[in-house]
N, C-alpha and C. Protein backbone atom coordinates (compact mmCIF):
# COMPACT_ATOMS: atom_id res chain seq x y z
N MET A 1 23.48 0.94 18.33
CA MET A 1 23.34 -0.18 19.25
C MET A 1 24.46 -0.06 20.29
N ASN A 2 24.08 -0.15 21.54
CA ASN A 2 25.08 0.01 22.59
C ASN A 2 25.88 -1.28 22.79
N GLN A 3 26.93 -1.16 23.59
CA GLN A 3 27.86 -2.25 23.79
C GLN A 3 27.21 -3.45 24.49
N ALA A 4 26.31 -3.20 25.43
CA ALA A 4 25.65 -4.29 26.17
C ALA A 4 24.75 -5.11 25.24
N THR A 5 23.99 -4.42 24.40
CA THR A 5 23.10 -5.13 23.47
C THR A 5 23.91 -5.93 22.45
N ARG A 6 24.97 -5.34 21.95
CA ARG A 6 25.82 -6.03 20.99
C ARG A 6 26.45 -7.29 21.61
N ALA A 7 26.92 -7.18 22.84
CA ALA A 7 27.52 -8.33 23.52
C ALA A 7 26.49 -9.43 23.74
N ALA A 8 25.27 -9.05 24.13
CA ALA A 8 24.22 -10.05 24.34
C ALA A 8 23.87 -10.74 23.02
N LEU A 9 23.81 -9.99 21.95
CA LEU A 9 23.52 -10.60 20.65
C LEU A 9 24.64 -11.54 20.21
N PHE A 10 25.89 -11.15 20.45
CA PHE A 10 27.00 -12.04 20.12
C PHE A 10 26.88 -13.35 20.88
N SER A 11 26.57 -13.26 22.18
CA SER A 11 26.45 -14.48 22.99
C SER A 11 25.27 -15.32 22.56
N PHE A 12 24.18 -14.68 22.16
CA PHE A 12 22.98 -15.43 21.81
C PHE A 12 23.03 -15.97 20.39
N LEU A 13 23.55 -15.19 19.46
CA LEU A 13 23.51 -15.60 18.05
C LEU A 13 24.73 -16.41 17.61
N LEU A 14 25.88 -16.18 18.22
CA LEU A 14 27.08 -16.90 17.80
C LEU A 14 27.27 -18.17 18.62
N PHE A 15 27.77 -18.00 19.83
CA PHE A 15 28.05 -19.15 20.69
C PHE A 15 28.13 -18.63 22.12
N PRO A 16 27.74 -19.41 23.11
CA PRO A 16 27.83 -18.94 24.49
C PRO A 16 29.25 -18.49 24.82
N GLY A 17 29.38 -17.33 25.43
CA GLY A 17 30.68 -16.79 25.81
C GLY A 17 31.26 -15.81 24.82
N SER A 18 30.73 -15.75 23.61
CA SER A 18 31.30 -14.84 22.62
C SER A 18 31.03 -13.38 22.98
N GLY A 19 29.96 -13.09 23.67
CA GLY A 19 29.70 -11.72 24.13
C GLY A 19 30.69 -11.28 25.18
N GLN A 20 31.04 -12.19 26.09
CA GLN A 20 32.03 -11.88 27.11
C GLN A 20 33.40 -11.68 26.46
N ILE A 21 33.72 -12.48 25.47
CA ILE A 21 34.98 -12.31 24.76
C ILE A 21 34.99 -10.98 24.02
N TYR A 22 33.86 -10.58 23.44
CA TYR A 22 33.74 -9.29 22.78
C TYR A 22 34.02 -8.15 23.77
N LEU A 23 33.58 -8.33 25.02
CA LEU A 23 33.80 -7.31 26.04
C LEU A 23 35.18 -7.42 26.69
N LYS A 24 36.03 -8.27 26.14
CA LYS A 24 37.40 -8.49 26.61
C LYS A 24 37.46 -9.10 28.00
N ARG A 25 36.48 -9.91 28.33
CA ARG A 25 36.47 -10.69 29.56
C ARG A 25 36.70 -12.14 29.13
N TYR A 26 37.96 -12.44 28.79
CA TYR A 26 38.29 -13.70 28.14
C TYR A 26 38.07 -14.92 29.03
N VAL A 27 38.46 -14.84 30.29
CA VAL A 27 38.30 -15.99 31.18
C VAL A 27 36.82 -16.29 31.40
N ARG A 28 36.05 -15.24 31.58
CA ARG A 28 34.61 -15.41 31.76
C ARG A 28 33.97 -15.99 30.50
N GLY A 29 34.40 -15.52 29.35
CA GLY A 29 33.88 -16.05 28.09
C GLY A 29 34.23 -17.52 27.90
N MET A 30 35.47 -17.87 28.25
CA MET A 30 35.88 -19.27 28.11
C MET A 30 35.15 -20.17 29.11
N ALA A 31 34.73 -19.59 30.25
CA ALA A 31 33.96 -20.38 31.23
C ALA A 31 32.60 -20.77 30.66
N PHE A 32 32.06 -19.98 29.76
CA PHE A 32 30.82 -20.35 29.08
C PHE A 32 31.10 -21.20 27.84
N LEU A 33 32.12 -20.83 27.10
CA LEU A 33 32.39 -21.46 25.82
C LEU A 33 32.87 -22.91 25.96
N THR A 34 33.72 -23.19 26.93
CA THR A 34 34.30 -24.53 27.07
C THR A 34 33.26 -25.62 27.35
N PRO A 35 32.38 -25.47 28.36
CA PRO A 35 31.39 -26.54 28.56
C PRO A 35 30.38 -26.64 27.42
N ALA A 36 30.04 -25.51 26.81
CA ALA A 36 29.10 -25.55 25.68
C ALA A 36 29.73 -26.27 24.49
N ALA A 37 31.00 -26.01 24.23
CA ALA A 37 31.68 -26.70 23.13
C ALA A 37 31.84 -28.19 23.41
N ALA A 38 32.16 -28.53 24.65
CA ALA A 38 32.30 -29.95 25.01
C ALA A 38 30.97 -30.69 24.88
N ALA A 39 29.89 -30.06 25.33
CA ALA A 39 28.57 -30.70 25.21
C ALA A 39 28.16 -30.83 23.75
N THR A 40 28.47 -29.82 22.94
CA THR A 40 28.15 -29.88 21.52
C THR A 40 28.93 -30.98 20.82
N LEU A 41 30.20 -31.11 21.16
CA LEU A 41 31.01 -32.18 20.57
C LEU A 41 30.51 -33.57 21.01
N ALA A 42 30.10 -33.69 22.26
CA ALA A 42 29.56 -34.97 22.73
C ALA A 42 28.28 -35.33 21.98
N LEU A 43 27.40 -34.35 21.78
CA LEU A 43 26.18 -34.61 21.01
C LEU A 43 26.50 -34.97 19.55
N ALA A 44 27.46 -34.27 18.97
CA ALA A 44 27.85 -34.58 17.59
C ALA A 44 28.41 -36.00 17.50
N TRP A 45 29.17 -36.41 18.50
CA TRP A 45 29.72 -37.78 18.51
C TRP A 45 28.59 -38.80 18.61
N MET A 46 27.58 -38.52 19.45
CA MET A 46 26.44 -39.44 19.57
C MET A 46 25.70 -39.56 18.24
N ILE A 47 25.49 -38.44 17.58
CA ILE A 47 24.80 -38.45 16.28
C ILE A 47 25.62 -39.22 15.25
N PHE A 48 26.93 -39.02 15.27
CA PHE A 48 27.80 -39.75 14.34
C PHE A 48 27.71 -41.25 14.58
N GLN A 49 27.66 -41.66 15.84
CA GLN A 49 27.55 -43.08 16.16
C GLN A 49 26.23 -43.67 15.64
N VAL A 50 25.14 -42.92 15.77
CA VAL A 50 23.84 -43.37 15.26
C VAL A 50 23.90 -43.52 13.75
N VAL A 51 24.45 -42.52 13.06
CA VAL A 51 24.55 -42.58 11.60
C VAL A 51 25.42 -43.76 11.18
N LEU A 52 26.49 -43.98 11.91
CA LEU A 52 27.37 -45.11 11.59
C LEU A 52 26.64 -46.45 11.71
N VAL A 53 25.85 -46.62 12.75
CA VAL A 53 25.08 -47.86 12.92
C VAL A 53 24.05 -48.00 11.81
N ILE A 54 23.38 -46.91 11.45
CA ILE A 54 22.36 -46.95 10.39
C ILE A 54 22.99 -47.37 9.07
N VAL A 55 24.12 -46.77 8.74
CA VAL A 55 24.78 -47.10 7.47
C VAL A 55 25.27 -48.54 7.49
N ARG A 56 25.85 -48.98 8.60
CA ARG A 56 26.35 -50.34 8.70
C ARG A 56 25.21 -51.36 8.55
N GLU A 57 24.08 -51.09 9.21
CA GLU A 57 22.93 -51.99 9.10
C GLU A 57 22.33 -51.97 7.70
N ALA A 58 22.30 -50.80 7.08
CA ALA A 58 21.73 -50.70 5.74
C ALA A 58 22.57 -51.45 4.73
N LEU A 59 23.89 -51.42 4.90
CA LEU A 59 24.77 -52.10 3.95
C LEU A 59 24.82 -53.61 4.16
N SER A 60 24.71 -54.05 5.41
CA SER A 60 24.84 -55.49 5.66
C SER A 60 23.51 -56.19 5.88
N GLY A 61 22.45 -55.46 6.14
CA GLY A 61 21.17 -56.08 6.46
C GLY A 61 20.30 -56.27 5.24
N ALA A 62 19.01 -56.15 5.49
CA ALA A 62 18.02 -56.33 4.43
C ALA A 62 18.14 -55.21 3.40
N PRO A 63 17.85 -55.54 2.15
CA PRO A 63 17.95 -54.50 1.11
C PRO A 63 16.81 -53.49 1.22
N GLY A 64 17.05 -52.29 0.74
CA GLY A 64 16.00 -51.26 0.68
C GLY A 64 15.73 -50.60 2.00
N MET A 65 14.50 -50.14 2.16
CA MET A 65 14.11 -49.39 3.35
C MET A 65 14.10 -50.24 4.61
N ASP A 66 13.92 -51.55 4.46
CA ASP A 66 13.91 -52.41 5.65
C ASP A 66 15.25 -52.36 6.37
N GLY A 67 16.34 -52.35 5.62
CA GLY A 67 17.67 -52.26 6.24
C GLY A 67 17.90 -50.92 6.91
N VAL A 68 17.41 -49.86 6.28
CA VAL A 68 17.57 -48.52 6.86
C VAL A 68 16.75 -48.40 8.14
N LEU A 69 15.50 -48.89 8.10
CA LEU A 69 14.64 -48.78 9.28
C LEU A 69 15.15 -49.62 10.44
N SER A 70 15.65 -50.81 10.18
CA SER A 70 16.21 -51.60 11.28
C SER A 70 17.48 -50.96 11.80
N GLY A 71 18.26 -50.34 10.91
CA GLY A 71 19.46 -49.62 11.35
C GLY A 71 19.12 -48.42 12.22
N MET A 72 18.03 -47.74 11.88
CA MET A 72 17.61 -46.60 12.70
C MET A 72 17.21 -47.04 14.10
N GLY A 73 16.48 -48.13 14.17
CA GLY A 73 16.08 -48.65 15.48
C GLY A 73 17.28 -49.06 16.31
N ASN A 74 18.22 -49.76 15.71
CA ASN A 74 19.42 -50.18 16.42
C ASN A 74 20.30 -48.99 16.79
N GLY A 75 20.37 -48.01 15.91
CA GLY A 75 21.19 -46.83 16.18
C GLY A 75 20.64 -46.02 17.34
N LEU A 76 19.32 -45.86 17.39
CA LEU A 76 18.72 -45.10 18.48
C LEU A 76 18.80 -45.84 19.80
N ARG A 77 18.82 -47.17 19.76
CA ARG A 77 18.99 -47.95 20.98
C ARG A 77 20.43 -47.89 21.49
N ALA A 78 21.37 -47.56 20.59
CA ALA A 78 22.78 -47.55 20.95
C ALA A 78 23.19 -46.31 21.74
N ILE A 79 22.39 -45.24 21.71
CA ILE A 79 22.79 -44.03 22.41
C ILE A 79 22.03 -43.88 23.72
N ASN A 80 22.58 -43.08 24.60
CA ASN A 80 21.97 -42.79 25.89
C ASN A 80 21.09 -41.55 25.72
N ILE A 81 19.80 -41.75 25.60
CA ILE A 81 18.87 -40.65 25.35
C ILE A 81 18.85 -39.66 26.51
N SER A 82 18.91 -40.15 27.74
CA SER A 82 18.87 -39.23 28.88
C SER A 82 20.12 -38.35 28.92
N LEU A 83 21.28 -38.90 28.57
CA LEU A 83 22.50 -38.09 28.52
C LEU A 83 22.39 -37.04 27.42
N ALA A 84 21.86 -37.41 26.28
CA ALA A 84 21.68 -36.45 25.19
C ALA A 84 20.73 -35.33 25.60
N LEU A 85 19.66 -35.67 26.31
CA LEU A 85 18.72 -34.66 26.78
C LEU A 85 19.38 -33.71 27.78
N TRP A 86 20.16 -34.26 28.72
CA TRP A 86 20.86 -33.42 29.69
C TRP A 86 21.86 -32.50 29.00
N LEU A 87 22.53 -32.99 27.99
CA LEU A 87 23.49 -32.15 27.25
C LEU A 87 22.76 -31.02 26.53
N LEU A 88 21.61 -31.31 25.94
CA LEU A 88 20.82 -30.27 25.28
C LEU A 88 20.34 -29.22 26.28
N ILE A 89 19.91 -29.65 27.45
CA ILE A 89 19.46 -28.71 28.48
C ILE A 89 20.63 -27.85 28.96
N LEU A 90 21.80 -28.47 29.14
CA LEU A 90 22.99 -27.72 29.55
C LEU A 90 23.36 -26.66 28.52
N ILE A 91 23.35 -27.02 27.25
CA ILE A 91 23.68 -26.07 26.19
C ILE A 91 22.66 -24.93 26.18
N PHE A 92 21.38 -25.24 26.32
CA PHE A 92 20.34 -24.21 26.33
C PHE A 92 20.55 -23.22 27.47
N PHE A 93 20.76 -23.74 28.69
CA PHE A 93 20.95 -22.85 29.82
C PHE A 93 22.23 -22.03 29.71
N LEU A 94 23.30 -22.63 29.21
CA LEU A 94 24.53 -21.87 29.00
C LEU A 94 24.30 -20.75 27.99
N TRP A 95 23.55 -21.03 26.95
CA TRP A 95 23.28 -20.04 25.91
C TRP A 95 22.49 -18.86 26.48
N VAL A 96 21.42 -19.16 27.19
CA VAL A 96 20.57 -18.11 27.74
C VAL A 96 21.31 -17.32 28.82
N PHE A 97 21.94 -18.03 29.75
CA PHE A 97 22.64 -17.35 30.85
C PHE A 97 23.82 -16.54 30.33
N SER A 98 24.48 -17.01 29.29
CA SER A 98 25.59 -16.28 28.70
C SER A 98 25.12 -14.96 28.08
N ALA A 99 23.98 -14.98 27.40
CA ALA A 99 23.44 -13.76 26.81
C ALA A 99 23.04 -12.76 27.90
N ILE A 100 22.39 -13.25 28.95
CA ILE A 100 22.00 -12.37 30.06
C ILE A 100 23.24 -11.80 30.74
N ASP A 101 24.22 -12.64 31.00
CA ASP A 101 25.45 -12.19 31.65
C ASP A 101 26.20 -11.18 30.79
N ALA A 102 26.27 -11.40 29.50
CA ALA A 102 26.95 -10.47 28.60
C ALA A 102 26.25 -9.11 28.60
N TYR A 103 24.93 -9.12 28.61
CA TYR A 103 24.19 -7.86 28.65
C TYR A 103 24.45 -7.11 29.95
N ARG A 104 24.38 -7.81 31.07
CA ARG A 104 24.60 -7.17 32.36
C ARG A 104 26.05 -6.69 32.50
N LEU A 105 26.98 -7.47 32.01
CA LEU A 105 28.39 -7.08 32.05
C LEU A 105 28.63 -5.86 31.17
N GLY A 106 28.01 -5.82 30.00
CA GLY A 106 28.14 -4.67 29.12
C GLY A 106 27.54 -3.41 29.75
N LYS A 107 26.42 -3.55 30.43
CA LYS A 107 25.81 -2.41 31.13
C LYS A 107 26.74 -1.90 32.23
N LYS A 108 27.34 -2.84 32.97
CA LYS A 108 28.23 -2.46 34.05
C LYS A 108 29.47 -1.74 33.52
N ILE A 109 30.04 -2.23 32.43
CA ILE A 109 31.21 -1.61 31.83
C ILE A 109 30.86 -0.22 31.31
N THR A 110 29.71 -0.10 30.66
CA THR A 110 29.27 1.19 30.14
C THR A 110 29.05 2.19 31.27
N ALA A 111 28.44 1.74 32.36
CA ALA A 111 28.17 2.63 33.49
C ALA A 111 29.47 3.08 34.14
N SER A 112 30.43 2.19 34.32
CA SER A 112 31.69 2.57 34.95
C SER A 112 32.50 3.49 34.03
N THR A 113 32.46 3.26 32.73
CA THR A 113 33.16 4.11 31.78
C THR A 113 32.53 5.50 31.75
N THR A 114 31.21 5.56 31.76
CA THR A 114 30.50 6.83 31.71
C THR A 114 30.77 7.65 32.98
N SER A 115 30.75 7.02 34.14
CA SER A 115 31.00 7.75 35.38
C SER A 115 32.44 8.21 35.46
N ALA A 116 33.39 7.43 34.94
CA ALA A 116 34.79 7.85 34.92
C ALA A 116 34.97 9.03 33.98
N ASN A 117 34.26 9.04 32.85
CA ASN A 117 34.34 10.17 31.92
C ASN A 117 33.77 11.44 32.54
N ARG A 118 32.68 11.31 33.29
CA ARG A 118 32.08 12.47 33.93
C ARG A 118 33.02 13.06 34.98
N GLN A 119 33.71 12.21 35.73
CA GLN A 119 34.62 12.69 36.76
C GLN A 119 35.83 13.38 36.14
N SER A 120 36.35 12.84 35.05
CA SER A 120 37.51 13.47 34.41
C SER A 120 37.13 14.75 33.69
N ALA A 121 35.88 14.86 33.22
CA ALA A 121 35.43 16.08 32.54
C ALA A 121 35.23 17.22 33.52
N SER A 122 34.86 16.90 34.76
CA SER A 122 34.64 17.95 35.73
C SER A 122 35.94 18.47 36.30
N GLY A 123 37.04 17.76 36.05
CA GLY A 123 38.35 18.22 36.50
C GLY A 123 38.65 17.74 37.91
N PRO A 124 39.86 18.04 38.37
CA PRO A 124 40.22 17.60 39.71
C PRO A 124 39.46 18.39 40.78
N VAL A 125 39.19 17.71 41.85
CA VAL A 125 38.40 18.33 42.91
C VAL A 125 39.29 18.95 43.94
């Protein structure tokens, strides 16, 4: 497996920017990783808030499933659905674009390394 394919797989399977970090392009990798991590943390916080409302309603409200169901309704009303959707779209595009960028960057690095090796093998001109 060549370096470009490996970098694209790292970016796609691990986390956005990990392929760029694998290729030792740390700033470029962090440019993908930072917004993706921030969006992921924001979504996790929203989910935690929903779970907290559900548990609070279940413990203080009606017994059984009625308390859980009313808590679910209140919890889902408490979050901003459009913001959550935009965060999911942002993460998706960062993930896809990061994998494409890592592949293209790996191809460029491989091509420049290969041409430099060919020039040094032919000797000085």
